[in-house]
Amino acid sequence: WAHRLPAAAQNGDGIGFAELDRRRFPDVALVYFGLLGKAIGRGAGRFLMNAVLETAWAHQPARLWVRTCTLDHPAALGFYRCSGFTPYKRESEIADDPRRTGVFALETAPGIPAL
């Protein structure tokens, strides 16, 4: 099952949240970890990650893992490494341009060339 951690808040405003997936236990995946831009670099990420790690390891998984990609914040990989995660694989994925497959209209994102 998925375990959504309470959102990080500042002055009553939500600034981020995280979600753990235990459907393949004993592996646990951190499937979502996000902060609003105004919270980045202010310690909120560390606070939230500490709560994530405490919650995840309380279930005694064999492995806790997270995926990141080039669309994440540029500091995400370094942050995950500082949080105790170790990179173990690099993959390249190629997806069809959704404008060419009909998911989006060809006019969508006119500033980005259709591939």
PDB file of N, CA and C in Angstrom:
ATOM      1  N   TRP A   1       0.834  -1.186   0.000  1.00  0.00           N
ATOM      2  CA  TRP A   1       0.000   0.000   0.000  1.00  0.00           C
ATOM      3  C   TRP A   1       0.864   1.228   0.000  1.00  0.00           C
ATOM      4  N   ALA A   2       0.304   2.320  -0.367  1.00  0.00           N
ATOM      5  CA  ALA A   2       1.038   3.586  -0.361  1.00  0.00           C
ATOM      6  C   ALA A   2       0.808   4.276   0.971  1.00  0.00           C
ATOM      7  N   HIS A   3       1.829   4.914   1.468  1.00  0.00           N
ATOM      8  CA  HIS A   3       1.757   5.652   2.725  1.00  0.00           C
ATOM      9  C   HIS A   3       2.120   7.100   2.419  1.00  0.00           C
ATOM     10  N   ARG A   4       1.129   7.952   2.435  1.00  0.00           N
ATOM     11  CA  ARG A   4       1.383   9.364   2.179  1.00  0.00           C
ATOM     12  C   ARG A   4       1.700  10.029   3.507  1.00  0.00           C
ATOM     13  N   LEU A   5       2.861  10.637   3.578  1.00  0.00           N
ATOM     14  CA  LEU A   5       3.249  11.316   4.800  1.00  0.00           C
ATOM     15  C   LEU A   5       2.568  12.674   4.863  1.00  0.00           C
ATOM     16  N   PRO A   6       2.300  13.157   6.065  1.00  0.00           N
ATOM     17  CA  PRO A   6       1.688  14.475   6.179  1.00  0.00           C
ATOM     18  C   PRO A   6       2.534  15.517   5.455  1.00  0.00           C
ATOM     19  N   ALA A   7       1.850  16.450   4.850  1.00  0.00           N
ATOM     20  CA  ALA A   7       2.544  17.501   4.100  1.00  0.00           C
ATOM     21  C   ALA A   7       3.371  18.358   5.037  1.00  0.00           C
ATOM     22  N   ALA A   8       4.525  18.749   4.554  1.00  0.00           N
ATOM     23  CA  ALA A   8       5.327  19.724   5.282  1.00  0.00           C
ATOM     24  C   ALA A   8       4.598  21.058   5.185  1.00  0.00           C
ATOM     25  N   ALA A   9       4.560  21.801   6.252  1.00  0.00           N
ATOM     26  CA  ALA A   9       3.842  23.071   6.255  1.00  0.00           C
ATOM     27  C   ALA A   9       4.690  24.161   6.885  1.00  0.00           C
ATOM     28  N   GLN A  10       4.431  25.372   6.428  1.00  0.00           N
ATOM     29  CA  GLN A  10       5.096  26.548   6.972  1.00  0.00           C
ATOM     30  C   GLN A  10       4.028  27.615   7.115  1.00  0.00           C
ATOM     31  N   ASN A  11       3.834  28.087   8.321  1.00  0.00           N
ATOM     32  CA  ASN A  11       2.792  29.080   8.600  1.00  0.00           C
ATOM     33  C   ASN A  11       1.423  28.607   8.119  1.00  0.00           C
ATOM     34  N   GLY A  12       1.165  27.308   8.239  1.00  0.00           N
ATOM     35  CA  GLY A  12      -0.124  26.754   7.856  1.00  0.00           C
ATOM     36  C   GLY A  12      -0.284  26.458   6.379  1.00  0.00           C
ATOM     37  N   ASP A  13       0.690  26.831   5.559  1.00  0.00           N
ATOM     38  CA  ASP A  13       0.627  26.571   4.124  1.00  0.00           C
ATOM     39  C   ASP A  13       1.408  25.305   3.786  1.00  0.00           C
ATOM     40  N   GLY A  14       0.818  24.428   2.974  1.00  0.00           N
ATOM     41  CA  GLY A  14       1.524  23.235   2.528  1.00  0.00           C
ATOM     42  C   GLY A  14       2.695  23.611   1.640  1.00  0.00           C
ATOM     43  N   ILE A  15       3.843  23.017   1.906  1.00  0.00           N
ATOM     44  CA  ILE A  15       5.027  23.334   1.095  1.00  0.00           C
ATOM     45  C   ILE A  15       5.664  22.084   0.498  1.00  0.00           C
ATOM     46  N   GLY A  16       5.071  20.901   0.764  1.00  0.00           N
ATOM     47  CA  GLY A  16       5.626  19.685   0.187  1.00  0.00           C
ATOM     48  C   GLY A  16       4.998  18.447   0.788  1.00  0.00           C
ATOM     49  N   PHE A  17       5.240  17.309   0.118  1.00  0.00           N
ATOM     50  CA  PHE A  17       4.794  16.043   0.691  1.00  0.00           C
ATOM     51  C   PHE A  17       5.607  14.896   0.106  1.00  0.00           C
ATOM     52  N   ALA A  18       5.439  13.737   0.730  1.00  0.00           N
ATOM     53  CA  ALA A  18       6.166  12.551   0.298  1.00  0.00           C
ATOM     54  C   ALA A  18       5.223  11.362   0.356  1.00  0.00           C
ATOM     55  N   GLU A  19       5.542  10.341  -0.452  1.00  0.00           N
ATOM     56  CA  GLU A  19       4.720   9.139  -0.468  1.00  0.00           C
ATOM     57  C   GLU A  19       5.611   7.901  -0.582  1.00  0.00           C
ATOM     58  N   LEU A  20       5.332   6.929   0.272  1.00  0.00           N
ATOM     59  CA  LEU A  20       6.043   5.650   0.262  1.00  0.00           C
ATOM     60  C   LEU A  20       5.126   4.572  -0.298  1.00  0.00           C
ATOM     61  N   ASP A  21       5.681   3.651  -1.069  1.00  0.00           N
ATOM     62  CA  ASP A  21       4.920   2.549  -1.641  1.00  0.00           C
ATOM     63  C   ASP A  21       5.482   1.244  -1.085  1.00  0.00           C
ATOM     64  N   ARG A  22       4.630   0.495  -0.355  1.00  0.00           N
ATOM     65  CA  ARG A  22       5.049  -0.779   0.232  1.00  0.00           C
ATOM     66  C   ARG A  22       4.395  -1.975  -0.451  1.00  0.00           C
ATOM     67  N   ARG A  23       3.860  -1.793  -1.650  1.00  0.00           N
ATOM     68  CA  ARG A  23       3.178  -2.902  -2.324  1.00  0.00           C
ATOM     69  C   ARG A  23       4.109  -4.041  -2.677  1.00  0.00           C
ATOM     70  N   ARG A  24       5.400  -3.803  -2.784  1.00  0.00           N
ATOM     71  CA  ARG A  24       6.364  -4.864  -3.106  1.00  0.00           C
ATOM     72  C   ARG A  24       7.275  -5.156  -1.917  1.00  0.00           C
ATOM     73  N   PHE A  25       6.695  -5.066  -0.736  1.00  0.00           N
ATOM     74  CA  PHE A  25       7.447  -5.328   0.482  1.00  0.00           C
ATOM     75  C   PHE A  25       8.104  -6.701   0.368  1.00  0.00           C
ATOM     76  N   PRO A  26       9.354  -6.871   0.751  1.00  0.00           N
ATOM     77  CA  PRO A  26      10.107  -6.053   1.692  1.00  0.00           C
ATOM     78  C   PRO A  26      10.824  -4.849   1.088  1.00  0.00           C
ATOM     79  N   ASP A  27      10.665  -4.599  -0.210  1.00  0.00           N
ATOM     80  CA  ASP A  27      11.196  -3.362  -0.779  1.00  0.00           C
ATOM     81  C   ASP A  27      10.181  -2.248  -0.554  1.00  0.00           C
ATOM     82  N   VAL A  28      10.672  -1.083  -0.225  1.00  0.00           N
ATOM     83  CA  VAL A  28       9.831   0.097  -0.068  1.00  0.00           C
ATOM     84  C   VAL A  28      10.384   1.167  -0.993  1.00  0.00           C
ATOM     85  N   ALA A  29       9.493   1.810  -1.726  1.00  0.00           N
ATOM     86  CA  ALA A  29       9.905   2.847  -2.669  1.00  0.00           C
ATOM     87  C   ALA A  29       9.423   4.210  -2.192  1.00  0.00           C
ATOM     88  N   LEU A  30      10.300   5.168  -2.258  1.00  0.00           N
ATOM     89  CA  LEU A  30       9.910   6.560  -2.068  1.00  0.00           C
ATOM     90  C   LEU A  30       9.462   7.011  -3.452  1.00  0.00           C
ATOM     91  N   VAL A  31       8.155   7.023  -3.695  1.00  0.00           N
ATOM     92  CA  VAL A  31       7.642   7.270  -5.039  1.00  0.00           C
ATOM     93  C   VAL A  31       7.387   8.738  -5.319  1.00  0.00           C
ATOM     94  N   TYR A  32       7.289   9.536  -4.278  1.00  0.00           N
ATOM     95  CA  TYR A  32       7.128  10.966  -4.496  1.00  0.00           C
ATOM     96  C   TYR A  32       7.759  11.717  -3.340  1.00  0.00           C
ATOM     97  N   PHE A  33       8.519  12.719  -3.677  1.00  0.00           N
ATOM     98  CA  PHE A  33       9.100  13.613  -2.687  1.00  0.00           C
ATOM     99  C   PHE A  33       9.173  14.972  -3.356  1.00  0.00           C
ATOM    100  N   GLY A  34       8.450  15.917  -2.850  1.00  0.00           N
ATOM    101  CA  GLY A  34       8.438  17.208  -3.522  1.00  0.00           C
ATOM    102  C   GLY A  34       8.226  18.371  -2.578  1.00  0.00           C
ATOM    103  N   LEU A  35       8.840  19.466  -2.941  1.00  0.00           N
ATOM    104  CA  LEU A  35       8.685  20.720  -2.213  1.00  0.00           C
ATOM    105  C   LEU A  35       8.326  21.812  -3.203  1.00  0.00           C
ATOM    106  N   LEU A  36       7.567  22.782  -2.745  1.00  0.00           N
ATOM    107  CA  LEU A  36       7.346  23.970  -3.555  1.00  0.00           C
ATOM    108  C   LEU A  36       8.647  24.751  -3.625  1.00  0.00           C
ATOM    109  N   GLY A  37       8.823  25.483  -4.696  1.00  0.00           N
ATOM    110  CA  GLY A  37      10.056  26.241  -4.899  1.00  0.00           C
ATOM    111  C   GLY A  37      10.427  27.137  -3.739  1.00  0.00           C
ATOM    112  N   LYS A  38       9.433  27.747  -3.094  1.00  0.00           N
ATOM    113  CA  LYS A  38       9.733  28.668  -1.992  1.00  0.00           C
ATOM    114  C   LYS A  38      10.309  27.956  -0.769  1.00  0.00           C
ATOM    115  N   ALA A  39      10.177  26.637  -0.708  1.00  0.00           N
ATOM    116  CA  ALA A  39      10.675  25.878   0.444  1.00  0.00           C
ATOM    117  C   ALA A  39      12.071  25.309   0.214  1.00  0.00           C
ATOM    118  N   ILE A  40      12.513  25.275  -1.034  1.00  0.00           N
ATOM    119  CA  ILE A  40      13.803  24.667  -1.349  1.00  0.00           C
ATOM    120  C   ILE A  40      14.937  25.526  -0.787  1.00  0.00           C
ATOM    121  N   GLY A  41      15.895  24.857  -0.151  1.00  0.00           N
ATOM    122  CA  GLY A  41      17.055  25.556   0.406  1.00  0.00           C
ATOM    123  C   GLY A  41      16.832  26.159   1.776  1.00  0.00           C
ATOM    124  N   ARG A  42      15.734  25.807   2.433  1.00  0.00           N
ATOM    125  CA  ARG A  42      15.420  26.379   3.748  1.00  0.00           C
ATOM    126  C   ARG A  42      15.321  25.339   4.860  1.00  0.00           C
ATOM    127  N   GLY A  43      15.739  24.112   4.575  1.00  0.00           N
ATOM    128  CA  GLY A  43      15.724  23.062   5.594  1.00  0.00           C
ATOM    129  C   GLY A  43      14.461  22.230   5.621  1.00  0.00           C
ATOM    130  N   ALA A  44      13.441  22.621   4.873  1.00  0.00           N
ATOM    131  CA  ALA A  44      12.185  21.866   4.869  1.00  0.00           C
ATOM    132  C   ALA A  44      12.384  20.478   4.265  1.00  0.00           C
ATOM    133  N   GLY A  45      13.204  20.391   3.237  1.00  0.00           N
ATOM    134  CA  GLY A  45      13.467  19.099   2.607  1.00  0.00           C
ATOM    135  C   GLY A  45      14.137  18.134   3.565  1.00  0.00           C
ATOM    136  N   ARG A  46      15.093  18.610   4.329  1.00  0.00           N
ATOM    137  CA  ARG A  46      15.776  17.758   5.304  1.00  0.00           C
ATOM    138  C   ARG A  46      14.786  17.288   6.364  1.00  0.00           C
ATOM    139  N   PHE A  47      13.943  18.200   6.845  1.00  0.00           N
ATOM    140  CA  PHE A  47      12.933  17.859   7.853  1.00  0.00           C
ATOM    141  C   PHE A  47      11.998  16.774   7.316  1.00  0.00           C
ATOM    142  N   LEU A  48      11.502  16.976   6.098  1.00  0.00           N
ATOM    143  CA  LEU A  48      10.585  16.012   5.507  1.00  0.00           C
ATOM    144  C   LEU A  48      11.273  14.679   5.226  1.00  0.00           C
ATOM    145  N   MET A  49      12.496  14.718   4.707  1.00  0.00           N
ATOM    146  CA  MET A  49      13.216  13.480   4.421  1.00  0.00           C
ATOM    147  C   MET A  49      13.476  12.692   5.700  1.00  0.00           C
ATOM    148  N   ASN A  50      13.810  13.360   6.779  1.00  0.00           N
ATOM    149  CA  ASN A  50      14.017  12.659   8.044  1.00  0.00           C
ATOM    150  C   ASN A  50      12.750  11.926   8.474  1.00  0.00           C
ATOM    151  N   ALA A  51      11.588  12.548   8.283  1.00  0.00           N
ATOM    152  CA  ALA A  51      10.315  11.898   8.608  1.00  0.00           C
ATOM    153  C   ALA A  51      10.074  10.702   7.687  1.00  0.00           C
ATOM    154  N   VAL A  52      10.411  10.841   6.414  1.00  0.00           N
ATOM    155  CA  VAL A  52      10.269   9.753   5.451  1.00  0.00           C
ATOM    156  C   VAL A  52      11.137   8.563   5.865  1.00  0.00           C
ATOM    157  N   LEU A  53      12.392   8.830   6.155  1.00  0.00           N
ATOM    158  CA  LEU A  53      13.316   7.755   6.518  1.00  0.00           C
ATOM    159  C   LEU A  53      12.880   7.057   7.799  1.00  0.00           C
ATOM    160  N   GLU A  54      12.458   7.824   8.777  1.00  0.00           N
ATOM    161  CA  GLU A  54      11.999   7.227  10.037  1.00  0.00           C
ATOM    162  C   GLU A  54      10.784   6.333   9.799  1.00  0.00           C
ATOM    163  N   THR A  55       9.841   6.811   9.017  1.00  0.00           N
ATOM    164  CA  THR A  55       8.633   6.029   8.730  1.00  0.00           C
ATOM    165  C   THR A  55       8.963   4.780   7.929  1.00  0.00           C
ATOM    166  N   ALA A  56       9.774   4.929   6.896  1.00  0.00           N
ATOM    167  CA  ALA A  56      10.108   3.792   6.038  1.00  0.00           C
ATOM    168  C   ALA A  56      10.853   2.709   6.803  1.00  0.00           C
ATOM    169  N   TRP A  57      11.880   3.081   7.543  1.00  0.00           N
ATOM    170  CA  TRP A  57      12.696   2.078   8.232  1.00  0.00           C
ATOM    171  C   TRP A  57      11.983   1.472   9.436  1.00  0.00           C
ATOM    172  N   ALA A  58      10.941   2.119   9.932  1.00  0.00           N
ATOM    173  CA  ALA A  58      10.163   1.556  11.038  1.00  0.00           C
ATOM    174  C   ALA A  58       9.495   0.246  10.624  1.00  0.00           C
ATOM    175  N   HIS A  59       9.255   0.062   9.331  1.00  0.00           N
ATOM    176  CA  HIS A  59       8.642  -1.162   8.814  1.00  0.00           C
ATOM    177  C   HIS A  59       9.675  -2.240   8.500  1.00  0.00           C
ATOM    178  N   GLN A  60      10.943  -1.949   8.737  1.00  0.00           N
ATOM    179  CA  GLN A  60      12.063  -2.869   8.529  1.00  0.00           C
ATOM    180  C   GLN A  60      12.099  -3.474   7.125  1.00  0.00           C
ATOM    181  N   PRO A  61      12.149  -2.621   6.117  1.00  0.00           N
ATOM    182  CA  PRO A  61      12.247  -3.153   4.749  1.00  0.00           C
ATOM    183  C   PRO A  61      13.631  -3.711   4.482  1.00  0.00           C
ATOM    184  N   ALA A  62      13.715  -4.554   3.467  1.00  0.00           N
ATOM    185  CA  ALA A  62      15.022  -5.049   3.032  1.00  0.00           C
ATOM    186  C   ALA A  62      15.751  -3.957   2.265  1.00  0.00           C
ATOM    187  N   ARG A  63      14.972  -3.115   1.578  1.00  0.00           N
ATOM    188  CA  ARG A  63      15.568  -2.072   0.759  1.00  0.00           C
ATOM    189  C   ARG A  63      14.607  -0.893   0.683  1.00  0.00           C
ATOM    190  N   LEU A  64      15.165   0.296   0.724  1.00  0.00           N
ATOM    191  CA  LEU A  64      14.417   1.537   0.498  1.00  0.00           C
ATOM    192  C   LEU A  64      15.053   2.200  -0.708  1.00  0.00           C
ATOM    193  N   TRP A  65      14.260   2.489  -1.724  1.00  0.00           N
ATOM    194  CA  TRP A  65      14.834   3.053  -2.926  1.00  0.00           C
ATOM    195  C   TRP A  65      14.011   4.229  -3.435  1.00  0.00           C
ATOM    196  N   VAL A  66      14.649   5.013  -4.271  1.00  0.00           N
ATOM    197  CA  VAL A  66      14.015   6.175  -4.892  1.00  0.00           C
ATOM    198  C   VAL A  66      14.557   6.293  -6.313  1.00  0.00           C
ATOM    199  N   ARG A  67      13.726   6.751  -7.210  1.00  0.00           N
ATOM    200  CA  ARG A  67      14.152   7.043  -8.585  1.00  0.00           C
ATOM    201  C   ARG A  67      14.177   8.546  -8.755  1.00  0.00           C
ATOM    202  N   THR A  68      15.151   9.020  -9.471  1.00  0.00           N
ATOM    203  CA  THR A  68      15.200  10.437  -9.807  1.00  0.00           C
ATOM    204  C   THR A  68      15.470  10.533 -11.300  1.00  0.00           C
ATOM    205  N   CYS A  69      15.278  11.705 -11.842  1.00  0.00           N
ATOM    206  CA  CYS A  69      15.500  11.871 -13.278  1.00  0.00           C
ATOM    207  C   CYS A  69      15.951  13.298 -13.565  1.00  0.00           C
ATOM    208  N   THR A  70      16.269  13.546 -14.800  1.00  0.00           N
ATOM    209  CA  THR A  70      16.775  14.868 -15.182  1.00  0.00           C
ATOM    210  C   THR A  70      15.706  15.950 -15.083  1.00  0.00           C
ATOM    211  N   LEU A  71      14.453  15.570 -14.911  1.00  0.00           N
ATOM    212  CA  LEU A  71      13.392  16.563 -14.735  1.00  0.00           C
ATOM    213  C   LEU A  71      13.253  16.998 -13.281  1.00  0.00           C
ATOM    214  N   ASP A  72      13.891  16.284 -12.362  1.00  0.00           N
ATOM    215  CA  ASP A  72      13.876  16.684 -10.954  1.00  0.00           C
ATOM    216  C   ASP A  72      14.745  17.917 -10.755  1.00  0.00           C
ATOM    217  N   HIS A  73      14.664  18.487  -9.572  1.00  0.00           N
ATOM    218  CA  HIS A  73      15.509  19.634  -9.229  1.00  0.00           C
ATOM    219  C   HIS A  73      16.973  19.237  -9.425  1.00  0.00           C
ATOM    220  N   PRO A  74      17.797  20.140  -9.921  1.00  0.00           N
ATOM    221  CA  PRO A  74      19.211  19.801 -10.162  1.00  0.00           C
ATOM    222  C   PRO A  74      19.947  19.285  -8.926  1.00  0.00           C
ATOM    223  N   ALA A  75      19.498  19.659  -7.741  1.00  0.00           N
ATOM    224  CA  ALA A  75      20.170  19.214  -6.514  1.00  0.00           C
ATOM    225  C   ALA A  75      19.586  17.913  -5.958  1.00  0.00           C
ATOM    226  N   ALA A  76      18.589  17.334  -6.635  1.00  0.00           N
ATOM    227  CA  ALA A  76      17.902  16.155  -6.088  1.00  0.00           C
ATOM    228  C   ALA A  76      18.843  14.982  -5.853  1.00  0.00           C
ATOM    229  N   LEU A  77      19.657  14.635  -6.826  1.00  0.00           N
ATOM    230  CA  LEU A  77      20.546  13.481  -6.670  1.00  0.00           C
ATOM    231  C   LEU A  77      21.491  13.678  -5.497  1.00  0.00           C
ATOM    232  N   GLY A  78      22.093  14.831  -5.376  1.00  0.00           N
ATOM    233  CA  GLY A  78      22.976  15.121  -4.251  1.00  0.00           C
ATOM    234  C   GLY A  78      22.243  15.048  -2.924  1.00  0.00           C
ATOM    235  N   PHE A  79      21.018  15.552  -2.901  1.00  0.00           N
ATOM    236  CA  PHE A  79      20.200  15.502  -1.686  1.00  0.00           C
ATOM    237  C   PHE A  79      19.914  14.058  -1.293  1.00  0.00           C
ATOM    238  N   TYR A  80      19.542  13.230  -2.267  1.00  0.00           N
ATOM    239  CA  TYR A  80      19.269  11.823  -1.968  1.00  0.00           C
ATOM    240  C   TYR A  80      20.534  11.115  -1.482  1.00  0.00           C
ATOM    241  N   ARG A  81      21.652  11.429  -2.079  1.00  0.00           N
ATOM    242  CA  ARG A  81      22.911  10.814  -1.634  1.00  0.00           C
ATOM    243  C   ARG A  81      23.235  11.239  -0.201  1.00  0.00           C
ATOM    244  N   CYS A  82      23.058  12.500   0.119  1.00  0.00           N
ATOM    245  CA  CYS A  82      23.308  12.980   1.488  1.00  0.00           C
ATOM    246  C   CYS A  82      22.328  12.367   2.481  1.00  0.00           C
ATOM    247  N   SER A  83      21.204  11.891   1.979  1.00  0.00           N
ATOM    248  CA  SER A  83      20.187  11.272   2.829  1.00  0.00           C
ATOM    249  C   SER A  83      20.442   9.785   3.026  1.00  0.00           C
ATOM    250  N   GLY A  84      21.509   9.262   2.418  1.00  0.00           N
ATOM    251  CA  GLY A  84      21.875   7.868   2.620  1.00  0.00           C
ATOM    252  C   GLY A  84      21.602   6.957   1.439  1.00  0.00           C
ATOM    253  N   PHE A  85      20.999   7.460   0.376  1.00  0.00           N
ATOM    254  CA  PHE A  85      20.756   6.651  -0.809  1.00  0.00           C
ATOM    255  C   PHE A  85      22.049   6.528  -1.615  1.00  0.00           C
ATOM    256  N   THR A  86      22.222   5.402  -2.273  1.00  0.00           N
ATOM    257  CA  THR A  86      23.409   5.148  -3.082  1.00  0.00           C
ATOM    258  C   THR A  86      22.983   4.865  -4.510  1.00  0.00           C
ATOM    259  N   PRO A  87      23.489   5.631  -5.479  1.00  0.00           N
ATOM    260  CA  PRO A  87      23.141   5.329  -6.875  1.00  0.00           C
ATOM    261  C   PRO A  87      23.626   3.934  -7.248  1.00  0.00           C
ATOM    262  N   TYR A  88      22.806   3.194  -7.963  1.00  0.00           N
ATOM    263  CA  TYR A  88      23.230   1.862  -8.373  1.00  0.00           C
ATOM    264  C   TYR A  88      23.017   1.602  -9.852  1.00  0.00           C
ATOM    265  N   LYS A  89      22.272   2.447 -10.538  1.00  0.00           N
ATOM    266  CA  LYS A  89      22.055   2.209 -11.958  1.00  0.00           C
ATOM    267  C   LYS A  89      21.666   3.514 -12.635  1.00  0.00           C
ATOM    268  N   ARG A  90      22.059   3.646 -13.888  1.00  0.00           N
ATOM    269  CA  ARG A  90      21.658   4.783 -14.715  1.00  0.00           C
ATOM    270  C   ARG A  90      20.962   4.214 -15.942  1.00  0.00           C
ATOM    271  N   GLU A  91      19.812   4.771 -16.261  1.00  0.00           N
ATOM    272  CA  GLU A  91      19.046   4.322 -17.416  1.00  0.00           C
ATOM    273  C   GLU A  91      18.722   5.512 -18.308  1.00  0.00           C
ATOM    274  N   SER A  92      18.532   5.233 -19.570  1.00  0.00           N
ATOM    275  CA  SER A  92      18.034   6.222 -20.514  1.00  0.00           C
ATOM    276  C   SER A  92      16.703   5.726 -21.037  1.00  0.00           C
ATOM    277  N   GLU A  93      15.718   6.592 -21.007  1.00  0.00           N
ATOM    278  CA  GLU A  93      14.408   6.246 -21.538  1.00  0.00           C
ATOM    279  C   GLU A  93      14.081   7.208 -22.662  1.00  0.00           C
ATOM    280  N   ILE A  94      13.544   6.682 -23.727  1.00  0.00           N
ATOM    281  CA  ILE A  94      13.135   7.506 -24.855  1.00  0.00           C
ATOM    282  C   ILE A  94      11.646   7.298 -25.046  1.00  0.00           C
ATOM    283  N   ALA A  95      10.923   8.392 -25.034  1.00  0.00           N
ATOM    284  CA  ALA A  95       9.473   8.319 -25.199  1.00  0.00           C
ATOM    285  C   ALA A  95       9.081   9.104 -26.449  1.00  0.00           C
ATOM    286  N   ASP A  96       8.026   8.651 -27.092  1.00  0.00           N
ATOM    287  CA  ASP A  96       7.515   9.372 -28.243  1.00  0.00           C
ATOM    288  C   ASP A  96       6.955  10.721 -27.800  1.00  0.00           C
ATOM    289  N   ASP A  97       7.126  11.721 -28.640  1.00  0.00           N
ATOM    290  CA  ASP A  97       6.568  13.038 -28.378  1.00  0.00           C
ATOM    291  C   ASP A  97       5.045  12.896 -28.338  1.00  0.00           C
ATOM    292  N   PRO A  98       4.397  13.250 -27.224  1.00  0.00           N
ATOM    293  CA  PRO A  98       2.946  13.048 -27.114  1.00  0.00           C
ATOM    294  C   PRO A  98       2.149  13.867 -28.135  1.00  0.00           C
ATOM    295  N   ARG A  99       2.768  14.850 -28.763  1.00  0.00           N
ATOM    296  CA  ARG A  99       2.080  15.588 -29.829  1.00  0.00           C
ATOM    297  C   ARG A  99       2.013  14.748 -31.090  1.00  0.00           C
ATOM    298  N   ARG A 100       2.988  13.870 -31.277  1.00  0.00           N
ATOM    299  CA  ARG A 100       3.003  13.010 -32.463  1.00  0.00           C
ATOM    300  C   ARG A 100       2.106  11.775 -32.293  1.00  0.00           C
ATOM    301  N   THR A 101       1.844  11.403 -31.047  1.00  0.00           N
ATOM    302  CA  THR A 101       1.011  10.219 -30.798  1.00  0.00           C
ATOM    303  C   THR A 101      -0.458  10.572 -30.610  1.00  0.00           C
ATOM    304  N   GLY A 102      -0.770  11.874 -30.616  1.00  0.00           N
ATOM    305  CA  GLY A 102      -2.159  12.298 -30.477  1.00  0.00           C
ATOM    306  C   GLY A 102      -2.599  12.551 -29.052  1.00  0.00           C
ATOM    307  N   VAL A 103      -1.717  12.366 -28.075  1.00  0.00           N
ATOM    308  CA  VAL A 103      -2.073  12.642 -26.682  1.00  0.00           C
ATOM    309  C   VAL A 103      -2.312  14.138 -26.500  1.00  0.00           C
ATOM    310  N   PHE A 104      -1.464  14.966 -27.131  1.00  0.00           N
ATOM    311  CA  PHE A 104      -1.612  16.417 -27.108  1.00  0.00           C
ATOM    312  C   PHE A 104      -1.727  16.921 -28.535  1.00  0.00           C
ATOM    313  N   ALA A 105      -2.333  18.066 -28.694  1.00  0.00           N
ATOM    314  CA  ALA A 105      -2.434  18.690 -30.016  1.00  0.00           C
ATOM    315  C   ALA A 105      -1.046  19.130 -30.473  1.00  0.00           C
ATOM    316  N   LEU A 106      -0.825  19.112 -31.775  1.00  0.00           N
ATOM    317  CA  LEU A 106       0.469  19.537 -32.323  1.00  0.00           C
ATOM    318  C   LEU A 106       0.814  20.968 -31.935  1.00  0.00           C
ATOM    319  N   GLU A 107      -0.192  21.786 -31.656  1.00  0.00           N
ATOM    320  CA  GLU A 107       0.034  23.188 -31.294  1.00  0.00           C
ATOM    321  C   GLU A 107       0.508  23.357 -29.846  1.00  0.00           C
ATOM    322  N   THR A 108       0.457  22.306 -29.063  1.00  0.00           N
ATOM    323  CA  THR A 108       0.873  22.358 -27.666  1.00  0.00           C
ATOM    324  C   THR A 108       2.368  22.660 -27.596  1.00  0.00           C
ATOM    325  N   ALA A 109       2.760  23.538 -26.678  1.00  0.00           N
ATOM    326  CA  ALA A 109       4.163  23.903 -26.464  1.00  0.00           C
ATOM    327  C   ALA A 109       4.836  24.330 -27.773  1.00  0.00           C
ATOM    328  N   PRO A 110       4.350  25.407 -28.396  1.00  0.00           N
ATOM    329  CA  PRO A 110       4.892  25.796 -29.697  1.00  0.00           C
ATOM    330  C   PRO A 110       6.373  26.183 -29.664  1.00  0.00           C
ATOM    331  N   GLY A 111       6.891  26.505 -28.512  1.00  0.00           N
ATOM    332  CA  GLY A 111       8.302  26.874 -28.412  1.00  0.00           C
ATOM    333  C   GLY A 111       9.257  25.692 -28.378  1.00  0.00           C
ATOM    334  N   ILE A 112       8.695  24.489 -28.299  1.00  0.00           N
ATOM    335  CA  ILE A 112       9.523  23.278 -28.252  1.00  0.00           C
ATOM    336  C   ILE A 112       9.294  22.510 -29.544  1.00  0.00           C
ATOM    337  N   PRO A 113      10.341  22.260 -30.310  1.00  0.00           N
ATOM    338  CA  PRO A 113      10.165  21.551 -31.584  1.00  0.00           C
ATOM    339  C   PRO A 113       9.570  20.169 -31.377  1.00  0.00           C
ATOM    340  N   ALA A 114       8.614  19.802 -32.203  1.00  0.00           N
ATOM    341  CA  ALA A 114       8.036  18.464 -32.162  1.00  0.00           C
ATOM    342  C   ALA A 114       9.044  17.463 -32.683  1.00  0.00           C
ATOM    343  N   LEU A 115       9.192  16.369 -31.984  1.00  0.00           N
ATOM    344  CA  LEU A 115      10.169  15.347 -32.387  1.00  0.00           C
ATOM    345  C   LEU A 115       9.494  14.210 -33.122  1.00  0.00           C
TER     346      LEU A 115
END
